[in-house]
Amino acid sequence: MAMGITEKVSFMLDRAKQGNCSEKDLQTIISFANLFSDDMILGRVFGYSIGAYAIATLKWINRANTLKAFKELYNNLTKQQKLEVDELIQRELYLQY
């Protein structure tokens, strides 16, 4: 089943709030990590790209396997993408979910 943009964000925020994810969930989150958009309206939820949510979610879950994936993905981001991810991590939107 294909997920829309809001469903993807909802899925990730839910996993972050749980503080855990299955291996299948982890692979799904990683698959979203390249979904960055420069368009301020299209491809973004609350101003952030799906890719930023994916990488932030890995950090928020804070397990050994998600932190490993976070480091690998984060190190390959552009400076601008890192700023977006850092800001999103700081905002901890999953706590409001």
PDB file of N, CA and C in Angstrom:
ATOM      1  N   MET A   1       0.843  -1.185   0.000  1.00  0.00           N
ATOM      2  CA  MET A   1       0.000   0.000   0.000  1.00  0.00           C
ATOM      3  C   MET A   1       0.885   1.245   0.000  1.00  0.00           C
ATOM      4  N   ALA A   2       0.645   2.119  -0.939  1.00  0.00           N
ATOM      5  CA  ALA A   2       1.409   3.367  -1.030  1.00  0.00           C
ATOM      6  C   ALA A   2       0.899   4.357   0.017  1.00  0.00           C
ATOM      7  N   MET A   3       1.824   5.081   0.616  1.00  0.00           N
ATOM      8  CA  MET A   3       1.464   6.062   1.635  1.00  0.00           C
ATOM      9  C   MET A   3       1.589   7.459   1.047  1.00  0.00           C
ATOM     10  N   GLY A   4       0.645   8.323   1.421  1.00  0.00           N
ATOM     11  CA  GLY A   4       0.736   9.727   1.072  1.00  0.00           C
ATOM     12  C   GLY A   4       1.695  10.425   2.025  1.00  0.00           C
ATOM     13  N   ILE A   5       1.973  11.666   1.736  1.00  0.00           N
ATOM     14  CA  ILE A   5       2.947  12.425   2.518  1.00  0.00           C
ATOM     15  C   ILE A   5       2.568  12.542   3.991  1.00  0.00           C
ATOM     16  N   THR A   6       1.322  12.820   4.281  1.00  0.00           N
ATOM     17  CA  THR A   6       0.918  12.943   5.690  1.00  0.00           C
ATOM     18  C   THR A   6       0.913  11.586   6.393  1.00  0.00           C
ATOM     19  N   GLU A   7       0.602  10.530   5.655  1.00  0.00           N
ATOM     20  CA  GLU A   7       0.637   9.180   6.237  1.00  0.00           C
ATOM     21  C   GLU A   7       2.071   8.791   6.587  1.00  0.00           C
ATOM     22  N   LYS A   8       3.017   9.178   5.747  1.00  0.00           N
ATOM     23  CA  LYS A   8       4.427   8.892   6.030  1.00  0.00           C
ATOM     24  C   LYS A   8       4.864   9.589   7.309  1.00  0.00           C
ATOM     25  N   VAL A   9       4.523  10.860   7.434  1.00  0.00           N
ATOM     26  CA  VAL A   9       4.907  11.614   8.627  1.00  0.00           C
ATOM     27  C   VAL A   9       4.227  11.035   9.860  1.00  0.00           C
ATOM     28  N   SER A  10       2.960  10.714   9.752  1.00  0.00           N
ATOM     29  CA  SER A  10       2.235  10.119  10.863  1.00  0.00           C
ATOM     30  C   SER A  10       2.877   8.803  11.303  1.00  0.00           C
ATOM     31  N   PHE A  11       3.228   7.980  10.340  1.00  0.00           N
ATOM     32  CA  PHE A  11       3.898   6.704  10.612  1.00  0.00           C
ATOM     33  C   PHE A  11       5.199   6.942  11.388  1.00  0.00           C
ATOM     34  N   MET A  12       6.006   7.890  10.930  1.00  0.00           N
ATOM     35  CA  MET A  12       7.299   8.147  11.579  1.00  0.00           C
ATOM     36  C   MET A  12       7.133   8.757  12.967  1.00  0.00           C
ATOM     37  N   LEU A  13       6.222   9.709  13.106  1.00  0.00           N
ATOM     38  CA  LEU A  13       6.000  10.316  14.424  1.00  0.00           C
ATOM     39  C   LEU A  13       5.489   9.287  15.424  1.00  0.00           C
ATOM     40  N   ASP A  14       4.670   8.370  14.947  1.00  0.00           N
ATOM     41  CA  ASP A  14       4.163   7.302  15.809  1.00  0.00           C
ATOM     42  C   ASP A  14       5.303   6.412  16.288  1.00  0.00           C
ATOM     43  N   ARG A  15       6.207   6.032  15.384  1.00  0.00           N
ATOM     44  CA  ARG A  15       7.343   5.189  15.773  1.00  0.00           C
ATOM     45  C   ARG A  15       8.252   5.931  16.743  1.00  0.00           C
ATOM     46  N   ALA A  16       8.463   7.227  16.511  1.00  0.00           N
ATOM     47  CA  ALA A  16       9.312   8.018  17.412  1.00  0.00           C
ATOM     48  C   ALA A  16       8.686   8.104  18.793  1.00  0.00           C
ATOM     49  N   LYS A  17       7.387   8.307  18.832  1.00  0.00           N
ATOM     50  CA  LYS A  17       6.690   8.397  20.125  1.00  0.00           C
ATOM     51  C   LYS A  17       6.779   7.066  20.886  1.00  0.00           C
ATOM     52  N   GLN A  18       6.687   5.952  20.152  1.00  0.00           N
ATOM     53  CA  GLN A  18       6.820   4.629  20.762  1.00  0.00           C
ATOM     54  C   GLN A  18       8.246   4.389  21.248  1.00  0.00           C
ATOM     55  N   GLY A  19       9.212   5.034  20.595  1.00  0.00           N
ATOM     56  CA  GLY A  19      10.611   4.831  20.944  1.00  0.00           C
ATOM     57  C   GLY A  19      11.151   3.496  20.503  1.00  0.00           C
ATOM     58  N   ASN A  20      10.508   2.930  19.482  1.00  0.00           N
ATOM     59  CA  ASN A  20      10.916   1.624  19.002  1.00  0.00           C
ATOM     60  C   ASN A  20      10.361   1.405  17.605  1.00  0.00           C
ATOM     61  N   CYS A  21      10.997   0.509  16.870  1.00  0.00           N
ATOM     62  CA  CYS A  21      10.461   0.136  15.563  1.00  0.00           C
ATOM     63  C   CYS A  21      10.988  -1.239  15.195  1.00  0.00           C
ATOM     64  N   SER A  22      10.215  -1.941  14.402  1.00  0.00           N
ATOM     65  CA  SER A  22      10.630  -3.254  13.921  1.00  0.00           C
ATOM     66  C   SER A  22      11.683  -3.064  12.828  1.00  0.00           C
ATOM     67  N   GLU A  23      12.305  -4.143  12.433  1.00  0.00           N
ATOM     68  CA  GLU A  23      13.292  -4.077  11.343  1.00  0.00           C
ATOM     69  C   GLU A  23      12.613  -3.615  10.051  1.00  0.00           C
ATOM     70  N   LYS A  24      11.384  -4.078   9.828  1.00  0.00           N
ATOM     71  CA  LYS A  24      10.626  -3.661   8.629  1.00  0.00           C
ATOM     72  C   LYS A  24      10.343  -2.158   8.695  1.00  0.00           C
ATOM     73  N   ASP A  25       9.935  -1.673   9.865  1.00  0.00           N
ATOM     74  CA  ASP A  25       9.689  -0.237  10.040  1.00  0.00           C
ATOM     75  C   ASP A  25      10.970   0.559   9.808  1.00  0.00           C
ATOM     76  N   LEU A  26      12.083   0.052  10.317  1.00  0.00           N
ATOM     77  CA  LEU A  26      13.363   0.726  10.139  1.00  0.00           C
ATOM     78  C   LEU A  26      13.696   0.854   8.661  1.00  0.00           C
ATOM     79  N   GLN A  27      13.504  -0.208   7.916  1.00  0.00           N
ATOM     80  CA  GLN A  27      13.785  -0.165   6.476  1.00  0.00           C
ATOM     81  C   GLN A  27      12.846   0.812   5.757  1.00  0.00           C
ATOM     82  N   THR A  28      11.606   0.883   6.198  1.00  0.00           N
ATOM     83  CA  THR A  28      10.659   1.831   5.611  1.00  0.00           C
ATOM     84  C   THR A  28      11.112   3.262   5.883  1.00  0.00           C
ATOM     85  N   ILE A  29      11.500   3.549   7.114  1.00  0.00           N
ATOM     86  CA  ILE A  29      11.963   4.889   7.479  1.00  0.00           C
ATOM     87  C   ILE A  29      13.207   5.248   6.670  1.00  0.00           C
ATOM     88  N   ILE A  30      14.150   4.322   6.571  1.00  0.00           N
ATOM     89  CA  ILE A  30      15.361   4.568   5.784  1.00  0.00           C
ATOM     90  C   ILE A  30      15.012   4.854   4.329  1.00  0.00           C
ATOM     91  N   SER A  31      14.007   4.167   3.799  1.00  0.00           N
ATOM     92  CA  SER A  31      13.617   4.385   2.395  1.00  0.00           C
ATOM     93  C   SER A  31      13.062   5.795   2.163  1.00  0.00           C
ATOM     94  N   PHE A  32      12.594   6.450   3.213  1.00  0.00           N
ATOM     95  CA  PHE A  32      12.079   7.818   3.099  1.00  0.00           C
ATOM     96  C   PHE A  32      13.195   8.868   3.184  1.00  0.00           C
ATOM     97  N   ALA A  33      14.391   8.465   3.571  1.00  0.00           N
ATOM     98  CA  ALA A  33      15.468   9.408   3.888  1.00  0.00           C
ATOM     99  C   ALA A  33      15.936  10.244   2.706  1.00  0.00           C
ATOM    100  N   ASN A  34      15.664   9.826   1.489  1.00  0.00           N
ATOM    101  CA  ASN A  34      16.100  10.608   0.332  1.00  0.00           C
ATOM    102  C   ASN A  34      14.996  11.526  -0.205  1.00  0.00           C
ATOM    103  N   LEU A  35      13.881  11.620   0.509  1.00  0.00           N
ATOM    104  CA  LEU A  35      12.739  12.410   0.038  1.00  0.00           C
ATOM    105  C   LEU A  35      12.812  13.843   0.564  1.00  0.00           C
ATOM    106  N   PHE A  36      13.793  14.582   0.052  1.00  0.00           N
ATOM    107  CA  PHE A  36      13.942  15.991   0.399  1.00  0.00           C
ATOM    108  C   PHE A  36      13.332  16.838  -0.712  1.00  0.00           C
ATOM    109  N   SER A  37      12.693  17.927  -0.334  1.00  0.00           N
ATOM    110  CA  SER A  37      12.067  18.835  -1.284  1.00  0.00           C
ATOM    111  C   SER A  37      12.485  20.266  -0.965  1.00  0.00           C
ATOM    112  N   ASP A  38      12.790  21.021  -2.029  1.00  0.00           N
ATOM    113  CA  ASP A  38      13.121  22.432  -1.841  1.00  0.00           C
ATOM    114  C   ASP A  38      11.884  23.315  -1.924  1.00  0.00           C
ATOM    115  N   ASP A  39      10.783  22.741  -2.377  1.00  0.00           N
ATOM    116  CA  ASP A  39       9.544  23.500  -2.495  1.00  0.00           C
ATOM    117  C   ASP A  39       8.967  23.711  -1.101  1.00  0.00           C
ATOM    118  N   MET A  40       8.714  24.944  -0.725  1.00  0.00           N
ATOM    119  CA  MET A  40       8.258  25.255   0.628  1.00  0.00           C
ATOM    120  C   MET A  40       6.836  24.768   0.911  1.00  0.00           C
ATOM    121  N   ILE A  41       6.089  24.393  -0.106  1.00  0.00           N
ATOM    122  CA  ILE A  41       4.726  23.918   0.119  1.00  0.00           C
ATOM    123  C   ILE A  41       4.603  22.445  -0.274  1.00  0.00           C
ATOM    124  N   LEU A  42       4.923  22.126  -1.505  1.00  0.00           N
ATOM    125  CA  LEU A  42       4.814  20.744  -1.962  1.00  0.00           C
ATOM    126  C   LEU A  42       5.946  19.902  -1.388  1.00  0.00           C
ATOM    127  N   GLY A  43       5.632  18.718  -0.956  1.00  0.00           N
ATOM    128  CA  GLY A  43       6.646  17.804  -0.459  1.00  0.00           C
ATOM    129  C   GLY A  43       7.095  18.076   0.964  1.00  0.00           C
ATOM    130  N   ARG A  44       6.372  18.932   1.694  1.00  0.00           N
ATOM    131  CA  ARG A  44       6.749  19.258   3.064  1.00  0.00           C
ATOM    132  C   ARG A  44       5.529  19.203   3.979  1.00  0.00           C
ATOM    133  N   VAL A  45       5.770  18.870   5.234  1.00  0.00           N
ATOM    134  CA  VAL A  45       4.728  18.873   6.256  1.00  0.00           C
ATOM    135  C   VAL A  45       5.259  19.721   7.402  1.00  0.00           C
ATOM    136  N   PHE A  46       4.514  20.745   7.765  1.00  0.00           N
ATOM    137  CA  PHE A  46       4.931  21.708   8.792  1.00  0.00           C
ATOM    138  C   PHE A  46       6.298  22.304   8.474  1.00  0.00           C
ATOM    139  N   GLY A  47       6.588  22.453   7.170  1.00  0.00           N
ATOM    140  CA  GLY A  47       7.825  23.090   6.731  1.00  0.00           C
ATOM    141  C   GLY A  47       9.021  22.176   6.574  1.00  0.00           C
ATOM    142  N   TYR A  48       8.865  20.890   6.835  1.00  0.00           N
ATOM    143  CA  TYR A  48       9.991  19.956   6.762  1.00  0.00           C
ATOM    144  C   TYR A  48       9.749  18.870   5.716  1.00  0.00           C
ATOM    145  N   SER A  49      10.819  18.466   5.046  1.00  0.00           N
ATOM    146  CA  SER A  49      10.759  17.399   4.055  1.00  0.00           C
ATOM    147  C   SER A  49      10.578  16.039   4.727  1.00  0.00           C
ATOM    148  N   ILE A  50      10.050  15.109   3.966  1.00  0.00           N
ATOM    149  CA  ILE A  50       9.895  13.740   4.448  1.00  0.00           C
ATOM    150  C   ILE A  50      11.264  13.168   4.819  1.00  0.00           C
ATOM    151  N   GLY A  51      12.278  13.476   4.031  1.00  0.00           N
ATOM    152  CA  GLY A  51      13.628  12.994   4.328  1.00  0.00           C
ATOM    153  C   GLY A  51      14.125  13.491   5.670  1.00  0.00           C
ATOM    154  N   ALA A  52      13.830  14.737   6.004  1.00  0.00           N
ATOM    155  CA  ALA A  52      14.237  15.285   7.305  1.00  0.00           C
ATOM    156  C   ALA A  52      13.517  14.555   8.431  1.00  0.00           C
ATOM    157  N   TYR A  53      12.228  14.289   8.254  1.00  0.00           N
ATOM    158  CA  TYR A  53      11.487  13.521   9.253  1.00  0.00           C
ATOM    159  C   TYR A  53      12.089  12.124   9.419  1.00  0.00           C
ATOM    160  N   ALA A  54      12.445  11.498   8.309  1.00  0.00           N
ATOM    161  CA  ALA A  54      12.992  10.142   8.380  1.00  0.00           C
ATOM    162  C   ALA A  54      14.282  10.118   9.201  1.00  0.00           C
ATOM    163  N   ILE A  55      15.190  11.025   8.903  1.00  0.00           N
ATOM    164  CA  ILE A  55      16.471  11.034   9.597  1.00  0.00           C
ATOM    165  C   ILE A  55      16.293  11.467  11.050  1.00  0.00           C
ATOM    166  N   ALA A  56      15.437  12.443  11.296  1.00  0.00           N
ATOM    167  CA  ALA A  56      15.156  12.862  12.674  1.00  0.00           C
ATOM    168  C   ALA A  56      14.517  11.723  13.460  1.00  0.00           C
ATOM    169  N   THR A  57      13.635  10.982  12.831  1.00  0.00           N
ATOM    170  CA  THR A  57      12.971   9.860  13.502  1.00  0.00           C
ATOM    171  C   THR A  57      13.989   8.831  13.971  1.00  0.00           C
ATOM    172  N   LEU A  58      14.978   8.565  13.145  1.00  0.00           N
ATOM    173  CA  LEU A  58      16.022   7.614  13.542  1.00  0.00           C
ATOM    174  C   LEU A  58      16.732   8.088  14.804  1.00  0.00           C
ATOM    175  N   LYS A  59      16.974   9.382  14.898  1.00  0.00           N
ATOM    176  CA  LYS A  59      17.612   9.954  16.089  1.00  0.00           C
ATOM    177  C   LYS A  59      16.658   9.903  17.282  1.00  0.00           C
ATOM    178  N   TRP A  60      15.398  10.272  17.061  1.00  0.00           N
ATOM    179  CA  TRP A  60      14.414  10.290  18.139  1.00  0.00           C
ATOM    180  C   TRP A  60      14.194   8.904  18.749  1.00  0.00           C
ATOM    181  N   ILE A  61      14.166   7.871  17.925  1.00  0.00           N
ATOM    182  CA  ILE A  61      13.947   6.514  18.437  1.00  0.00           C
ATOM    183  C   ILE A  61      15.094   6.118  19.363  1.00  0.00           C
ATOM    184  N   ASN A  62      16.298   6.533  19.008  1.00  0.00           N
ATOM    185  CA  ASN A  62      17.455   6.445  19.916  1.00  0.00           C
ATOM    186  C   ASN A  62      17.810   5.018  20.341  1.00  0.00           C
ATOM    187  N   ARG A  63      17.794   4.095  19.404  1.00  0.00           N
ATOM    188  CA  ARG A  63      18.239   2.721  19.627  1.00  0.00           C
ATOM    189  C   ARG A  63      19.539   2.523  18.842  1.00  0.00           C
ATOM    190  N   ALA A  64      20.305   1.520  19.199  1.00  0.00           N
ATOM    191  CA  ALA A  64      21.600   1.291  18.540  1.00  0.00           C
ATOM    192  C   ALA A  64      21.463   1.199  17.015  1.00  0.00           C
ATOM    193  N   ASN A  65      20.475   0.426  16.541  1.00  0.00           N
ATOM    194  CA  ASN A  65      20.323   0.257  15.093  1.00  0.00           C
ATOM    195  C   ASN A  65      19.838   1.534  14.404  1.00  0.00           C
ATOM    196  N   THR A  66      18.993   2.310  15.073  1.00  0.00           N
ATOM    197  CA  THR A  66      18.509   3.544  14.435  1.00  0.00           C
ATOM    198  C   THR A  66      19.583   4.632  14.475  1.00  0.00           C
ATOM    199  N   LEU A  67      20.376   4.669  15.542  1.00  0.00           N
ATOM    200  CA  LEU A  67      21.454   5.667  15.622  1.00  0.00           C
ATOM    201  C   LEU A  67      22.548   5.374  14.597  1.00  0.00           C
ATOM    202  N   LYS A  68      22.805   4.101  14.344  1.00  0.00           N
ATOM    203  CA  LYS A  68      23.780   3.722  13.315  1.00  0.00           C
ATOM    204  C   LYS A  68      23.300   4.208  11.949  1.00  0.00           C
ATOM    205  N   ALA A  69      22.034   3.942  11.637  1.00  0.00           N
ATOM    206  CA  ALA A  69      21.462   4.390  10.366  1.00  0.00           C
ATOM    207  C   ALA A  69      21.457   5.917  10.294  1.00  0.00           C
ATOM    208  N   PHE A  70      21.122   6.582  11.408  1.00  0.00           N
ATOM    209  CA  PHE A  70      21.119   8.044  11.459  1.00  0.00           C
ATOM    210  C   PHE A  70      22.489   8.586  11.063  1.00  0.00           C
ATOM    211  N   LYS A  71      23.539   8.084  11.687  1.00  0.00           N
ATOM    212  CA  LYS A  71      24.892   8.589  11.416  1.00  0.00           C
ATOM    213  C   LYS A  71      25.277   8.404   9.959  1.00  0.00           C
ATOM    214  N   GLU A  72      24.981   7.237   9.399  1.00  0.00           N
ATOM    215  CA  GLU A  72      25.319   6.963   7.999  1.00  0.00           C
ATOM    216  C   GLU A  72      24.585   7.918   7.055  1.00  0.00           C
ATOM    217  N   LEU A  73      23.298   8.103   7.290  1.00  0.00           N
ATOM    218  CA  LEU A  73      22.503   8.968   6.416  1.00  0.00           C
ATOM    219  C   LEU A  73      22.849  10.439   6.615  1.00  0.00           C
ATOM    220  N   TYR A  74      22.981  10.854   7.864  1.00  0.00           N
ATOM    221  CA  TYR A  74      23.254  12.258   8.194  1.00  0.00           C
ATOM    222  C   TYR A  74      24.575  12.717   7.579  1.00  0.00           C
ATOM    223  N   ASN A  75      25.581  11.861   7.612  1.00  0.00           N
ATOM    224  CA  ASN A  75      26.897  12.232   7.084  1.00  0.00           C
ATOM    225  C   ASN A  75      26.893  12.465   5.582  1.00  0.00           C
ATOM    226  N   ASN A  76      25.881  11.979   4.883  1.00  0.00           N
ATOM    227  CA  ASN A  76      25.802  12.159   3.433  1.00  0.00           C
ATOM    228  C   ASN A  76      24.899  13.320   3.016  1.00  0.00           C
ATOM    229  N   LEU A  77      24.380  14.063   3.971  1.00  0.00           N
ATOM    230  CA  LEU A  77      23.489  15.187   3.657  1.00  0.00           C
ATOM    231  C   LEU A  77      24.283  16.428   3.274  1.00  0.00           C
ATOM    232  N   THR A  78      23.611  17.320   2.559  1.00  0.00           N
ATOM    233  CA  THR A  78      24.198  18.629   2.278  1.00  0.00           C
ATOM    234  C   THR A  78      24.137  19.466   3.551  1.00  0.00           C
ATOM    235  N   LYS A  79      24.852  20.561   3.550  1.00  0.00           N
ATOM    236  CA  LYS A  79      24.842  21.449   4.716  1.00  0.00           C
ATOM    237  C   LYS A  79      23.421  21.929   5.017  1.00  0.00           C
ATOM    238  N   GLN A  80      22.680  22.309   3.988  1.00  0.00           N
ATOM    239  CA  GLN A  80      21.307  22.800   4.158  1.00  0.00           C
ATOM    240  C   GLN A  80      20.394  21.709   4.714  1.00  0.00           C
ATOM    241  N   GLN A  81      20.549  20.487   4.210  1.00  0.00           N
ATOM    242  CA  GLN A  81      19.739  19.375   4.702  1.00  0.00           C
ATOM    243  C   GLN A  81      20.066  19.082   6.168  1.00  0.00           C
ATOM    244  N   LYS A  82      21.335  19.161   6.534  1.00  0.00           N
ATOM    245  CA  LYS A  82      21.724  18.946   7.932  1.00  0.00           C
ATOM    246  C   LYS A  82      21.084  19.990   8.839  1.00  0.00           C
ATOM    247  N   LEU A  83      21.056  21.246   8.376  1.00  0.00           N
ATOM    248  CA  LEU A  83      20.417  22.304   9.167  1.00  0.00           C
ATOM    249  C   LEU A  83      18.934  22.008   9.374  1.00  0.00           C
ATOM    250  N   GLU A  84      18.270  21.549   8.319  1.00  0.00           N
ATOM    251  CA  GLU A  84      16.848  21.213   8.412  1.00  0.00           C
ATOM    252  C   GLU A  84      16.628  20.064   9.391  1.00  0.00           C
ATOM    253  N   VAL A  85      17.435  19.026   9.297  1.00  0.00           N
ATOM    254  CA  VAL A  85      17.310  17.872  10.192  1.00  0.00           C
ATOM    255  C   VAL A  85      17.599  18.291  11.633  1.00  0.00           C
ATOM    256  N   ASP A  86      18.657  19.066  11.831  1.00  0.00           N
ATOM    257  CA  ASP A  86      19.016  19.516  13.182  1.00  0.00           C
ATOM    258  C   ASP A  86      17.881  20.305  13.827  1.00  0.00           C
ATOM    259  N   GLU A  87      17.283  21.202  13.045  1.00  0.00           N
ATOM    260  CA  GLU A  87      16.172  22.006  13.562  1.00  0.00           C
ATOM    261  C   GLU A  87      14.986  21.125  13.929  1.00  0.00           C
ATOM    262  N   LEU A  88      14.685  20.175  13.073  1.00  0.00           N
ATOM    263  CA  LEU A  88      13.561  19.269  13.327  1.00  0.00           C
ATOM    264  C   LEU A  88      13.832  18.412  14.567  1.00  0.00           C
ATOM    265  N   ILE A  89      15.037  17.909  14.706  1.00  0.00           N
ATOM    266  CA  ILE A  89      15.384  17.114  15.893  1.00  0.00           C
ATOM    267  C   ILE A  89      15.167  17.951  17.147  1.00  0.00           C
ATOM    268  N   GLN A  90      15.618  19.194  17.133  1.00  0.00           N
ATOM    269  CA  GLN A  90      15.485  20.079  18.292  1.00  0.00           C
ATOM    270  C   GLN A  90      14.024  20.340  18.648  1.00  0.00           C
ATOM    271  N   ARG A  91      13.171  20.443  17.645  1.00  0.00           N
ATOM    272  CA  ARG A  91      11.753  20.761  17.884  1.00  0.00           C
ATOM    273  C   ARG A  91      10.981  19.598  18.502  1.00  0.00           C
ATOM    274  N   GLU A  92      11.485  18.385  18.355  1.00  0.00           N
ATOM    275  CA  GLU A  92      10.857  17.193  18.938  1.00  0.00           C
ATOM    276  C   GLU A  92       9.347  17.145  18.692  1.00  0.00           C
ATOM    277  N   LEU A  93       8.956  17.311  17.441  1.00  0.00           N
ATOM    278  CA  LEU A  93       7.532  17.332  17.096  1.00  0.00           C
ATOM    279  C   LEU A  93       6.801  16.051  17.490  1.00  0.00           C
ATOM    280  N   TYR A  94       7.504  14.943  17.544  1.00  0.00           N
ATOM    281  CA  TYR A  94       6.849  13.676  17.894  1.00  0.00           C
ATOM    282  C   TYR A  94       6.236  13.706  19.289  1.00  0.00           C
ATOM    283  N   LEU A  95       6.770  14.560  20.172  1.00  0.00           N
ATOM    284  CA  LEU A  95       6.227  14.647  21.522  1.00  0.00           C
ATOM    285  C   LEU A  95       4.836  15.308  21.537  1.00  0.00           C
ATOM    286  N   GLN A  96       4.518  16.036  20.481  1.00  0.00           N
ATOM    287  CA  GLN A  96       3.224  16.685  20.368  1.00  0.00           C
ATOM    288  C   GLN A  96       2.206  15.795  19.635  1.00  0.00           C
ATOM    289  N   TYR A  97       2.666  14.662  19.138  1.00  0.00           N
ATOM    290  CA  TYR A  97       1.837  13.779  18.322  1.00  0.00           C
ATOM    291  C   TYR A  97       0.876  12.991  19.178  1.00  0.00           C
TER     292      TYR A  97
END
